[in-house]
Structure formats: C-alpha cells, structure tokens
PDB file of N, CA and C in Angstrom:
ATOM      1  N   MET A   1     -28.850  21.854 -72.720  1.00  0.00           N
ATOM      2  CA  MET A   1     -27.380  22.409 -72.195  1.00  0.00           C
ATOM      3  C   MET A   1     -26.892  22.685 -73.134  1.00  0.00           C
ATOM      4  N   THR A   2     -26.917  24.003 -72.463  1.00  0.00           N
ATOM      5  CA  THR A   2     -25.541  24.078 -74.119  1.00  0.00           C
ATOM      6  C   THR A   2     -23.998  24.012 -73.547  1.00  0.00           C
ATOM      7  N   LYS A   3     -23.268  24.425 -74.762  1.00  0.00           N
ATOM      8  CA  LYS A   3     -22.151  24.356 -74.465  1.00  0.00           C
ATOM      9  C   LYS A   3     -21.207  24.353 -72.288  1.00  0.00           C
ATOM     10  N   PRO A   4     -21.618  26.303 -72.738  1.00  0.00           N
ATOM     11  CA  PRO A   4     -21.190  26.072 -71.124  1.00  0.00           C
ATOM     12  C   PRO A   4     -21.141  25.383 -70.174  1.00  0.00           C
ATOM     13  N   ASP A   5     -22.571  26.092 -70.331  1.00  0.00           N
ATOM     14  CA  ASP A   5     -23.576  25.074 -68.609  1.00  0.00           C
ATOM     15  C   ASP A   5     -22.405  23.295 -68.995  1.00  0.00           C
ATOM     16  N   ARG A   6     -22.370  22.233 -70.275  1.00  0.00           N
ATOM     17  CA  ARG A   6     -22.274  21.479 -70.246  1.00  0.00           C
ATOM     18  C   ARG A   6     -20.101  21.745 -70.663  1.00  0.00           C
ATOM     19  N   GLN A   7     -19.516  22.591 -70.064  1.00  0.00           N
ATOM     20  CA  GLN A   7     -18.653  23.268 -69.342  1.00  0.00           C
ATOM     21  C   GLN A   7     -18.199  23.241 -68.625  1.00  0.00           C
ATOM     22  N   ALA A   8     -18.821  24.203 -67.690  1.00  0.00           N
ATOM     23  CA  ALA A   8     -19.012  24.348 -65.896  1.00  0.00           C
ATOM     24  C   ALA A   8     -19.229  23.596 -65.708  1.00  0.00           C
ATOM     25  N   ALA A   9     -20.286  22.393 -65.699  1.00  0.00           N
ATOM     26  CA  ALA A   9     -21.330  21.499 -65.551  1.00  0.00           C
ATOM     27  C   ALA A   9     -19.220  20.255 -65.308  1.00  0.00           C
ATOM     28  N   ALA A  10     -19.525  20.217 -65.654  1.00  0.00           N
ATOM     29  CA  ALA A  10     -17.800  19.284 -66.451  1.00  0.00           C
ATOM     30  C   ALA A  10     -16.743  19.161 -64.988  1.00  0.00           C
ATOM     31  N   ILE A  11     -15.717  21.101 -65.177  1.00  0.00           N
ATOM     32  CA  ILE A  11     -15.875  21.630 -64.332  1.00  0.00           C
ATOM     33  C   ILE A  11     -15.891  21.271 -63.092  1.00  0.00           C
ATOM     34  N   SER A  12     -16.838  21.846 -62.943  1.00  0.00           N
ATOM     35  CA  SER A  12     -17.144  21.164 -61.167  1.00  0.00           C
ATOM     36  C   SER A  12     -17.667  20.038 -60.848  1.00  0.00           C
ATOM     37  N   SER A  13     -17.364  19.475 -61.858  1.00  0.00           N
ATOM     38  CA  SER A  13     -18.115  17.936 -61.126  1.00  0.00           C
ATOM     39  C   SER A  13     -16.163  17.019 -61.264  1.00  0.00           C
ATOM     40  N   GLN A  14     -15.353  17.619 -61.863  1.00  0.00           N
ATOM     41  CA  GLN A  14     -13.801  17.832 -61.794  1.00  0.00           C
ATOM     42  C   GLN A  14     -13.246  18.026 -60.246  1.00  0.00           C
ATOM     43  N   VAL A  15     -13.659  19.301 -60.208  1.00  0.00           N
ATOM     44  CA  VAL A  15     -13.756  20.030 -58.527  1.00  0.00           C
ATOM     45  C   VAL A  15     -13.740  20.069 -57.979  1.00  0.00           C
ATOM     46  N   ASP A  16     -15.043  19.084 -57.601  1.00  0.00           N
ATOM     47  CA  ASP A  16     -16.123  18.078 -56.896  1.00  0.00           C
ATOM     48  C   ASP A  16     -15.079  16.921 -56.506  1.00  0.00           C
ATOM     49  N   SER A  17     -15.218  16.636 -57.166  1.00  0.00           N
ATOM     50  CA  SER A  17     -13.962  15.190 -57.974  1.00  0.00           C
ATOM     51  C   SER A  17     -12.576  15.272 -56.325  1.00  0.00           C
ATOM     52  N   ALA A  18     -11.846  16.286 -57.654  1.00  0.00           N
ATOM     53  CA  ALA A  18     -10.408  16.711 -56.928  1.00  0.00           C
ATOM     54  C   ALA A  18     -10.963  16.599 -54.977  1.00  0.00           C
ATOM     55  N   GLU A  19     -11.956  17.366 -55.124  1.00  0.00           N
ATOM     56  CA  GLU A  19     -11.544  17.883 -53.064  1.00  0.00           C
ATOM     57  C   GLU A  19     -11.774  16.072 -52.632  1.00  0.00           C
ATOM     58  N   ASN A  20     -13.030  15.650 -53.507  1.00  0.00           N
ATOM     59  CA  ASN A  20     -13.337  14.407 -52.545  1.00  0.00           C
ATOM     60  C   ASN A  20     -12.041  13.574 -51.747  1.00  0.00           C
ATOM     61  N   ASN A  21     -11.125  13.552 -53.625  1.00  0.00           N
ATOM     62  CA  ASN A  21      -9.939  13.124 -53.959  1.00  0.00           C
ATOM     63  C   ASN A  21      -9.376  13.799 -52.409  1.00  0.00           C
ATOM     64  N   SER A  22      -8.539  15.024 -52.531  1.00  0.00           N
ATOM     65  CA  SER A  22      -8.436  15.779 -51.692  1.00  0.00           C
ATOM     66  C   SER A  22      -8.526  14.884 -50.039  1.00  0.00           C
ATOM     67  N   THR A  23      -9.494  14.693 -49.730  1.00  0.00           N
ATOM     68  CA  THR A  23      -9.762  15.431 -48.802  1.00  0.00           C
ATOM     69  C   THR A  23      -9.901  13.383 -48.019  1.00  0.00           C
ATOM     70  N   GLN A  24      -9.604  12.765 -49.170  1.00  0.00           N
ATOM     71  CA  GLN A  24      -9.445  11.150 -48.800  1.00  0.00           C
ATOM     72  C   GLN A  24      -8.324  10.856 -48.478  1.00  0.00           C
ATOM     73  N   ILE A  25      -7.063  11.484 -49.211  1.00  0.00           N
ATOM     74  CA  ILE A  25      -5.962  11.768 -48.735  1.00  0.00           C
ATOM     75  C   ILE A  25      -4.875  12.289 -47.424  1.00  0.00           C
ATOM     76  N   ASP A  26      -6.158  12.999 -47.292  1.00  0.00           N
ATOM     77  CA  ASP A  26      -6.069  14.340 -45.778  1.00  0.00           C
ATOM     78  C   ASP A  26      -7.061  13.301 -44.841  1.00  0.00           C
ATOM     79  N   VAL A  27      -7.331  12.245 -45.295  1.00  0.00           N
ATOM     80  CA  VAL A  27      -7.709  11.305 -43.690  1.00  0.00           C
ATOM     81  C   VAL A  27      -6.405  10.331 -43.884  1.00  0.00           C
ATOM     82  N   GLU A  28      -6.530  10.105 -45.359  1.00  0.00           N
ATOM     83  CA  GLU A  28      -5.495   7.893 -45.391  1.00  0.00           C
ATOM     84  C   GLU A  28      -3.811   9.118 -44.095  1.00  0.00           C
ATOM     85  N   GLU A  29      -3.688  11.047 -44.920  1.00  0.00           N
ATOM     86  CA  GLU A  29      -2.068  11.280 -44.507  1.00  0.00           C
ATOM     87  C   GLU A  29      -2.610  11.192 -42.667  1.00  0.00           C
ATOM     88  N   LEU A  30      -4.168  11.273 -42.151  1.00  0.00           N
ATOM     89  CA  LEU A  30      -3.637  11.770 -41.178  1.00  0.00           C
ATOM     90  C   LEU A  30      -3.831  10.254 -40.233  1.00  0.00           C
ATOM     91  N   ARG A  31      -4.467   9.245 -40.923  1.00  0.00           N
ATOM     92  CA  ARG A  31      -4.255   7.738 -40.461  1.00  0.00           C
ATOM     93  C   ARG A  31      -2.520   7.271 -40.459  1.00  0.00           C
ATOM     94  N   ALA A  32      -2.203   7.225 -40.979  1.00  0.00           N
ATOM     95  CA  ALA A  32      -0.448   7.685 -40.876  1.00  0.00           C
ATOM     96  C   ALA A  32       0.027   7.832 -40.077  1.00  0.00           C
ATOM     97  N   LEU A  33      -0.725   9.941 -39.658  1.00  0.00           N
ATOM     98  CA  LEU A  33       0.503  10.582 -39.034  1.00  0.00           C
ATOM     99  C   LEU A  33      -0.187   9.189 -36.928  1.00  0.00           C
ATOM    100  N   VAL A  34      -1.200   9.198 -37.390  1.00  0.00           N
ATOM    101  CA  VAL A  34      -2.171   8.275 -36.239  1.00  0.00           C
ATOM    102  C   VAL A  34      -0.687   7.073 -36.062  1.00  0.00           C
ATOM    103  N   VAL A  35      -0.733   6.183 -36.854  1.00  0.00           N
ATOM    104  CA  VAL A  35       0.063   5.085 -36.499  1.00  0.00           C
ATOM    105  C   VAL A  35       1.364   6.006 -35.812  1.00  0.00           C
ATOM    106  N   ASP A  36       1.724   6.881 -36.993  1.00  0.00           N
ATOM    107  CA  ASP A  36       3.536   6.673 -36.437  1.00  0.00           C
ATOM    108  C   ASP A  36       3.647   7.294 -34.874  1.00  0.00           C
ATOM    109  N   TYR A  37       2.249   8.580 -34.437  1.00  0.00           N
ATOM    110  CA  TYR A  37       2.768   8.760 -33.917  1.00  0.00           C
ATOM    111  C   TYR A  37       2.292   8.254 -31.724  1.00  0.00           C
ATOM    112  N   GLU A  38       1.279   6.642 -33.036  1.00  0.00           N
ATOM    113  CA  GLU A  38       0.954   5.944 -31.755  1.00  0.00           C
ATOM    114  C   GLU A  38       2.302   4.514 -31.698  1.00  0.00           C
ATOM    115  N   ALA A  39       2.981   4.683 -32.512  1.00  0.00           N
ATOM    116  CA  ALA A  39       4.913   3.768 -32.611  1.00  0.00           C
ATOM    117  C   ALA A  39       5.087   4.995 -31.121  1.00  0.00           C
ATOM    118  N   ARG A  40       5.730   6.248 -31.494  1.00  0.00           N
ATOM    119  CA  ARG A  40       6.861   6.784 -31.290  1.00  0.00           C
ATOM    120  C   ARG A  40       6.183   6.558 -29.533  1.00  0.00           C
ATOM    121  N   ILE A  41       4.607   6.841 -29.248  1.00  0.00           N
ATOM    122  CA  ILE A  41       4.036   7.200 -27.458  1.00  0.00           C
ATOM    123  C   ILE A  41       4.800   5.486 -27.038  1.00  0.00           C
ATOM    124  N   ASP A  42       4.631   4.122 -27.682  1.00  0.00           N
ATOM    125  CA  ASP A  42       4.536   3.214 -27.706  1.00  0.00           C
ATOM    126  C   ASP A  42       6.943   2.861 -27.290  1.00  0.00           C
ATOM    127  N   GLU A  43       7.758   3.616 -28.002  1.00  0.00           N
ATOM    128  CA  GLU A  43       8.953   3.913 -27.566  1.00  0.00           C
ATOM    129  C   GLU A  43       8.684   4.321 -27.053  1.00  0.00           C
ATOM    130  N   VAL A  44       8.273   6.267 -26.880  1.00  0.00           N
ATOM    131  CA  VAL A  44       8.368   7.002 -25.158  1.00  0.00           C
ATOM    132  C   VAL A  44       8.074   5.807 -23.765  1.00  0.00           C
ATOM    133  N   ALA A  45       7.596   4.565 -24.181  1.00  0.00           N
ATOM    134  CA  ALA A  45       6.786   4.426 -22.789  1.00  0.00           C
ATOM    135  C   ALA A  45       8.136   3.632 -22.865  1.00  0.00           C
ATOM    136  N   LYS A  46       8.458   2.145 -23.436  1.00  0.00           N
ATOM    137  CA  LYS A  46       9.529   1.625 -23.021  1.00  0.00           C
ATOM    138  C   LYS A  46      10.292   1.638 -22.900  1.00  0.00           C
ATOM    139  N   LEU A  47      11.074   3.394 -23.657  1.00  0.00           N
ATOM    140  CA  LEU A  47      12.311   4.000 -22.483  1.00  0.00           C
ATOM    141  C   LEU A  47      12.304   4.143 -21.230  1.00  0.00           C
ATOM    142  N   ILE A  48      11.578   4.579 -21.251  1.00  0.00           N
ATOM    143  CA  ILE A  48      10.595   5.382 -19.715  1.00  0.00           C
ATOM    144  C   ILE A  48      10.718   3.396 -18.564  1.00  0.00           C
ATOM    145  N   ALA A  49      10.203   2.778 -19.500  1.00  0.00           N
ATOM    146  CA  ALA A  49       9.975   1.728 -19.055  1.00  0.00           C
ATOM    147  C   ALA A  49      11.391   0.653 -18.198  1.00  0.00           C
ATOM    148  N   ARG A  50      12.347   1.579 -19.423  1.00  0.00           N
ATOM    149  CA  ARG A  50      14.024   0.286 -19.052  1.00  0.00           C
ATOM    150  C   ARG A  50      15.077   2.386 -18.337  1.00  0.00           C
ATOM    151  N   VAL A  51      14.151   3.113 -18.208  1.00  0.00           N
ATOM    152  CA  VAL A  51      15.138   4.217 -17.538  1.00  0.00           C
ATOM    153  C   VAL A  51      14.283   3.837 -15.959  1.00  0.00           C
ATOM    154  N   ARG A  52      13.256   3.231 -16.048  1.00  0.00           N
ATOM    155  CA  ARG A  52      13.493   3.259 -14.485  1.00  0.00           C
ATOM    156  C   ARG A  52      13.514   2.304 -13.876  1.00  0.00           C
ATOM    157  N   HIS A  53      13.527   0.980 -14.676  1.00  0.00           N
ATOM    158  CA  HIS A  53      14.434  -0.134 -14.100  1.00  0.00           C
ATOM    159  C   HIS A  53      15.956   0.409 -13.588  1.00  0.00           C
ATOM    160  N   GLU A  54      16.169   0.980 -14.854  1.00  0.00           N
ATOM    161  CA  GLU A  54      18.091   1.349 -13.438  1.00  0.00           C
ATOM    162  C   GLU A  54      18.120   2.059 -13.678  1.00  0.00           C
ATOM    163  N   ILE A  55      17.100   2.950 -13.074  1.00  0.00           N
ATOM    164  CA  ILE A  55      17.564   3.902 -11.767  1.00  0.00           C
ATOM    165  C   ILE A  55      16.755   3.070 -10.542  1.00  0.00           C
ATOM    166  N   ASN A  56      15.475   2.229 -10.483  1.00  0.00           N
ATOM    167  CA  ASN A  56      15.130   2.095  -9.184  1.00  0.00           C
ATOM    168  C   ASN A  56      16.032   1.109  -8.672  1.00  0.00           C
ATOM    169  N   ASN A  57      16.860   0.178  -9.376  1.00  0.00           N
ATOM    170  CA  ASN A  57      17.017  -1.441  -8.126  1.00  0.00           C
ATOM    171  C   ASN A  57      18.500  -0.025  -7.454  1.00  0.00           C
ATOM    172  N   PRO A  58      19.761  -0.142  -8.516  1.00  0.00           N
ATOM    173  CA  PRO A  58      20.340   1.289  -7.553  1.00  0.00           C
ATOM    174  C   PRO A  58      20.011   1.586  -6.492  1.00  0.00           C
ATOM    175  N   LEU A  59      19.139   2.877  -6.814  1.00  0.00           N
ATOM    176  CA  LEU A  59      18.810   3.383  -5.966  1.00  0.00           C
ATOM    177  C   LEU A  59      18.162   3.193  -4.959  1.00  0.00           C
ATOM    178  N   ALA A  60      16.615   1.625  -5.019  1.00  0.00           N
ATOM    179  CA  ALA A  60      16.897   0.903  -3.748  1.00  0.00           C
ATOM    180  C   ALA A  60      17.906   0.631  -2.871  1.00  0.00           C
ATOM    181  N   GLY A  61      19.008   0.197  -3.493  1.00  0.00           N
ATOM    182  CA  GLY A  61      20.284  -0.061  -2.044  1.00  0.00           C
ATOM    183  C   GLY A  61      21.107   1.185  -1.791  1.00  0.00           C
ATOM    184  N   VAL A  62      20.793   2.126  -2.486  1.00  0.00           N
ATOM    185  CA  VAL A  62      21.150   3.327  -1.459  1.00  0.00           C
ATOM    186  C   VAL A  62      20.451   4.087  -0.710  1.00  0.00           C
ATOM    187  N   LEU A  63      19.214   3.747  -1.121  1.00  0.00           N
ATOM    188  CA  LEU A  63      18.043   4.599   0.419  1.00  0.00           C
ATOM    189  C   LEU A  63      18.339   3.256   1.663  1.00  0.00           C
ATOM    190  N   GLY A  64      18.132   2.028   1.096  1.00  0.00           N
ATOM    191  CA  GLY A  64      18.431   1.216   2.116  1.00  0.00           C
ATOM    192  C   GLY A  64      19.802   0.914   3.208  1.00  0.00           C
ATOM    193  N   GLN A  65      21.059   1.064   2.274  1.00  0.00           N
ATOM    194  CA  GLN A  65      21.971   1.682   2.963  1.00  0.00           C
ATOM    195  C   GLN A  65      22.126   3.212   3.681  1.00  0.00           C
ATOM    196  N   ALA A  66      21.892   3.703   3.117  1.00  0.00           N
ATOM    197  CA  ALA A  66      21.369   5.252   3.588  1.00  0.00           C
ATOM    198  C   ALA A  66      20.864   4.716   5.136  1.00  0.00           C
ATOM    199  N   GLN A  67      19.744   4.039   4.803  1.00  0.00           N
ATOM    200  CA  GLN A  67      18.342   4.226   5.968  1.00  0.00           C
ATOM    201  C   GLN A  67      19.368   3.479   7.092  1.00  0.00           C
ATOM    202  N   LEU A  68      19.607   1.888   7.090  1.00  0.00           N
ATOM    203  CA  LEU A  68      20.548   1.414   8.120  1.00  0.00           C
ATOM    204  C   LEU A  68      21.859   2.141   8.613  1.00  0.00           C
ATOM    205  N   LEU A  69      22.865   2.730   7.863  1.00  0.00           N
ATOM    206  CA  LEU A  69      23.495   3.478   8.733  1.00  0.00           C
ATOM    207  C   LEU A  69      23.122   4.291   9.073  1.00  0.00           C
ATOM    208  N   LEU A  70      21.770   5.153   8.854  1.00  0.00           N
ATOM    209  CA  LEU A  70      20.888   6.308  10.457  1.00  0.00           C
ATOM    210  C   LEU A  70      20.774   5.494  11.269  1.00  0.00           C
ATOM    211  N   ARG A  71      20.811   4.196  11.210  1.00  0.00           N
ATOM    212  CA  ARG A  71      20.170   3.125  12.565  1.00  0.00           C
ATOM    213  C   ARG A  71      21.469   3.725  13.959  1.00  0.00           C
ATOM    214  N   GLU A  72      22.740   3.694  12.297  1.00  0.00           N
ATOM    215  CA  GLU A  72      23.749   3.253  13.604  1.00  0.00           C
ATOM    216  C   GLU A  72      24.400   4.498  14.234  1.00  0.00           C
ATOM    217  N   GLU A  73      24.906   4.444  15.655  1.00  0.00           N
ATOM    218  CA  GLU A  73      25.245   5.554  16.234  1.00  0.00           C
ATOM    219  C   GLU A  73      26.903   6.543  15.892  1.00  0.00           C
ATOM    220  N   LEU A  74      26.671   7.772  14.925  1.00  0.00           N
ATOM    221  CA  LEU A  74      27.356   8.603  14.332  1.00  0.00           C
ATOM    222  C   LEU A  74      27.854   9.685  14.283  1.00  0.00           C
ATOM    223  N   ASN A  75      28.723  10.298  14.401  1.00  0.00           N
ATOM    224  CA  ASN A  75      29.191  11.621  14.738  1.00  0.00           C
ATOM    225  C   ASN A  75      27.811  12.817  13.893  1.00  0.00           C
ATOM    226  N   GLU A  76      27.963  13.756  14.098  1.00  0.00           N
ATOM    227  CA  GLU A  76      27.589  14.633  13.327  1.00  0.00           C
ATOM    228  C   GLU A  76      27.255  14.670  12.303  1.00  0.00           C
ATOM    229  N   LYS A  77      28.739  14.826  11.923  1.00  0.00           N
ATOM    230  CA  LYS A  77      28.584  14.884  10.456  1.00  0.00           C
ATOM    231  C   LYS A  77      28.544  13.862   9.390  1.00  0.00           C
ATOM    232  N   ALA A  78      28.411  12.409  10.051  1.00  0.00           N
ATOM    233  CA  ALA A  78      28.499  12.028   9.285  1.00  0.00           C
ATOM    234  C   ALA A  78      26.747  11.470   9.746  1.00  0.00           C
ATOM    235  N   ARG A  79      26.227  11.876  10.039  1.00  0.00           N
ATOM    236  CA  ARG A  79      24.681  11.493  10.305  1.00  0.00           C
ATOM    237  C   ARG A  79      23.728  12.378   9.002  1.00  0.00           C
ATOM    238  N   LYS A  80      24.528  14.407   9.029  1.00  0.00           N
ATOM    239  CA  LYS A  80      23.960  14.560   8.258  1.00  0.00           C
ATOM    240  C   LYS A  80      24.336  14.142   6.932  1.00  0.00           C
ATOM    241  N   ARG A  81      25.547  13.899   7.181  1.00  0.00           N
ATOM    242  CA  ARG A  81      25.618  13.390   5.056  1.00  0.00           C
ATOM    243  C   ARG A  81      24.778  12.470   5.297  1.00  0.00           C
ATOM    244  N   ALA A  82      24.713  10.787   5.657  1.00  0.00           N
ATOM    245  CA  ALA A  82      23.517   9.900   5.947  1.00  0.00           C
ATOM    246  C   ALA A  82      21.956  10.534   5.469  1.00  0.00           C
ATOM    247  N   GLN A  83      22.025  11.026   6.037  1.00  0.00           N
ATOM    248  CA  GLN A  83      20.041  12.350   6.466  1.00  0.00           C
ATOM    249  C   GLN A  83      20.370  12.694   5.361  1.00  0.00           C
ATOM    250  N   THR A  84      21.506  13.238   4.100  1.00  0.00           N
ATOM    251  CA  THR A  84      21.571  13.427   3.192  1.00  0.00           C
ATOM    252  C   THR A  84      21.434  12.661   2.110  1.00  0.00           C
ATOM    253  N   ILE A  85      21.972  11.741   1.754  1.00  0.00           N
ATOM    254  CA  ILE A  85      21.413   9.968   0.906  1.00  0.00           C
ATOM    255  C   ILE A  85      20.496  10.148   1.078  1.00  0.00           C
ATOM    256  N   GLU A  86      19.932   9.472   1.917  1.00  0.00           N
ATOM    257  CA  GLU A  86      18.364   9.805   1.995  1.00  0.00           C
ATOM    258  C   GLU A  86      17.678  10.064   1.977  1.00  0.00           C
ATOM    259  N   GLU A  87      17.697  11.880   2.088  1.00  0.00           N
ATOM    260  CA  GLU A  87      16.363  12.555   0.951  1.00  0.00           C
ATOM    261  C   GLU A  87      16.156  12.887  -0.348  1.00  0.00           C
ATOM    262  N   LEU A  88      17.981  12.693  -0.308  1.00  0.00           N
ATOM    263  CA  LEU A  88      18.334  12.879  -2.070  1.00  0.00           C
ATOM    264  C   LEU A  88      17.606  11.076  -2.868  1.00  0.00           C
ATOM    265  N   ALA A  89      18.338  10.044  -2.350  1.00  0.00           N
ATOM    266  CA  ALA A  89      17.693   8.844  -3.031  1.00  0.00           C
ATOM    267  C   ALA A  89      15.395   9.106  -2.942  1.00  0.00           C
ATOM    268  N   ILE A  90      15.170   9.648  -2.350  1.00  0.00           N
ATOM    269  CA  ILE A  90      13.856   9.487  -1.294  1.00  0.00           C
ATOM    270  C   ILE A  90      12.970  10.545  -3.096  1.00  0.00           C
ATOM    271  N   ARG A  91      13.908  11.646  -3.077  1.00  0.00           N
ATOM    272  CA  ARG A  91      13.534  12.887  -4.481  1.00  0.00           C
ATOM    273  C   ARG A  91      13.743  11.929  -5.761  1.00  0.00           C
ATOM    274  N   LEU A  92      14.604  11.117  -5.460  1.00  0.00           N
ATOM    275  CA  LEU A  92      14.825   9.686  -6.776  1.00  0.00           C
ATOM    276  C   LEU A  92      14.380   9.125  -6.873  1.00  0.00           C
ATOM    277  N   ARG A  93      13.529   8.781  -5.810  1.00  0.00           N
ATOM    278  CA  ARG A  93      12.676   7.549  -5.676  1.00  0.00           C
ATOM    279  C   ARG A  93      11.015   8.110  -6.330  1.00  0.00           C
ATOM    280  N   ASP A  94      11.242   9.571  -5.607  1.00  0.00           N
ATOM    281  CA  ASP A  94       9.626  10.112  -6.663  1.00  0.00           C
ATOM    282  C   ASP A  94       9.775  10.722  -7.620  1.00  0.00           C
ATOM    283  N   ILE A  95      10.819  10.783  -8.160  1.00  0.00           N
ATOM    284  CA  ILE A  95      10.735  11.061 -10.045  1.00  0.00           C
ATOM    285  C   ILE A  95      10.580   9.545 -10.527  1.00  0.00           C
ATOM    286  N   VAL A  96      10.932   8.753  -9.627  1.00  0.00           N
ATOM    287  CA  VAL A  96      10.470   6.741 -10.788  1.00  0.00           C
ATOM    288  C   VAL A  96       9.760   6.769 -10.503  1.00  0.00           C
ATOM    289  N   GLY A  97       8.217   7.496  -9.205  1.00  0.00           N
ATOM    290  CA  GLY A  97       7.029   6.918  -9.665  1.00  0.00           C
ATOM    291  C   GLY A  97       6.442   7.975 -10.591  1.00  0.00           C
ATOM    292  N   GLN A  98       7.018   9.032 -10.393  1.00  0.00           N
ATOM    293  CA  GLN A  98       6.076  10.269 -11.188  1.00  0.00           C
ATOM    294  C   GLN A  98       6.847   9.714 -13.232  1.00  0.00           C
ATOM    295  N   LEU A  99       7.616   8.824 -12.908  1.00  0.00           N
ATOM    296  CA  LEU A  99       7.668   8.588 -14.567  1.00  0.00           C
ATOM    297  C   LEU A  99       7.024   7.207 -14.676  1.00  0.00           C
ATOM    298  N   ARG A 100       6.627   6.366 -13.817  1.00  0.00           N
ATOM    299  CA  ARG A 100       5.956   5.600 -13.763  1.00  0.00           C
ATOM    300  C   ARG A 100       4.318   5.799 -14.488  1.00  0.00           C
ATOM    301  N   GLN A 101       4.015   6.919 -13.516  1.00  0.00           N
ATOM    302  CA  GLN A 101       2.385   7.685 -14.204  1.00  0.00           C
ATOM    303  C   GLN A 101       2.327   7.863 -15.623  1.00  0.00           C
ATOM    304  N   VAL A 102       4.610   8.678 -16.050  1.00  0.00           N
ATOM    305  CA  VAL A 102       3.213   9.751 -17.335  1.00  0.00           C
ATOM    306  C   VAL A 102       3.746   7.624 -18.505  1.00  0.00           C
ATOM    307  N   GLN A 103       4.455   6.823 -18.191  1.00  0.00           N
ATOM    308  CA  GLN A 103       4.196   5.093 -18.223  1.00  0.00           C
ATOM    309  C   GLN A 103       3.164   5.173 -18.751  1.00  0.00           C
ATOM    310  N   ARG A 104       2.372   5.358 -17.470  1.00  0.00           N
ATOM    311  CA  ARG A 104       0.847   4.775 -17.698  1.00  0.00           C
ATOM    312  C   ARG A 104      -0.324   5.570 -18.733  1.00  0.00           C
ATOM    313  N   GLN A 105       0.499   7.019 -18.225  1.00  0.00           N
ATOM    314  CA  GLN A 105      -0.578   7.842 -18.703  1.00  0.00           C
ATOM    315  C   GLN A 105      -0.259   7.932 -21.220  1.00  0.00           C
ATOM    316  N   SER A 106       1.255   7.323 -21.216  1.00  0.00           N
ATOM    317  CA  SER A 106       1.675   6.583 -22.308  1.00  0.00           C
ATOM    318  C   SER A 106       0.488   5.946 -22.870  1.00  0.00           C
ATOM    319  N   LYS A 107       0.749   4.832 -22.554  1.00  0.00           N
ATOM    320  CA  LYS A 107      -0.191   3.665 -22.565  1.00  0.00           C
ATOM    321  C   LYS A 107      -1.683   3.743 -22.658  1.00  0.00           C
ATOM    322  N   GLY A 108      -1.638   4.650 -22.041  1.00  0.00           N
ATOM    323  CA  GLY A 108      -3.548   4.589 -21.379  1.00  0.00           C
ATOM    324  C   GLY A 108      -3.986   5.755 -22.891  1.00  0.00           C
ATOM    325  N   SER A 109      -3.057   6.735 -23.426  1.00  0.00           N
ATOM    326  CA  SER A 109      -3.384   7.269 -24.672  1.00  0.00           C
ATOM    327  C   SER A 109      -3.932   6.721 -25.428  1.00  0.00           C
ATOM    328  N   GLN A 110      -2.880   5.797 -25.849  1.00  0.00           N
ATOM    329  CA  GLN A 110      -3.188   5.152 -27.441  1.00  0.00           C
ATOM    330  C   GLN A 110      -5.087   4.476 -27.880  1.00  0.00           C
ATOM    331  N   THR A 111      -5.277   4.504 -26.038  1.00  0.00           N
ATOM    332  CA  THR A 111      -5.899   2.750 -26.436  1.00  0.00           C
ATOM    333  C   THR A 111      -7.376   4.062 -27.145  1.00  0.00           C
TER     334      THR A 111
END
C-alpha cells in the first residue's frame, strides 16, 4: 500500500469512527429526550388529575343543588336560572370526563 493509500485509508477510518460516534451520540441524545418527554407527560398527567379533582368535587355539589332546586315549585324565571345552572354544570362535568380520557391516554403513551 502506498503512502497516499495509507493516508486515505486512515482518513476513511477516522471518518467512519466519527460517524459511529456521531450516531452513538445521537442515540444517546434521543434517549435523553425520551426520558425527558416521559417525565413531562407524567407531570401533565398529575396536573390533570389534580385539576379534575379540584373541579369535580364542587361541581358535583353545584349540579346536585341545581337538580334539587328544579324539583321544587319555582316561578318561571327561577326555574330557567336553575336549568341554566344544571346545563352548565353538566357541560363542565363532560369536560372533566374528557380530561380523564386525556390523562389515561397520556399514561398509556408512556408504556
């Protein structure tokens, strides 16, 4: 092997080595990103659980009180207001249910 051939082979070997190291670094960086991503998903799931709890408990009370009120004899204006409260509370309850789905999906995406 001539000197230029040896130099070319050495350079090629260095390039291959650098590419392998670069690929290894990229894989390690990706693994670190995945770990970070999973930690963030876990934090979001915990936040959703807290928000659901903080909204759902008082919401159940509001909805229950509105439904009890609607069982009573009310004038038309009061009945309409109680119905509006009930409808809005049901909408919020549905949103809380959607948050539950998001929380389950975020936990499922980690596995």
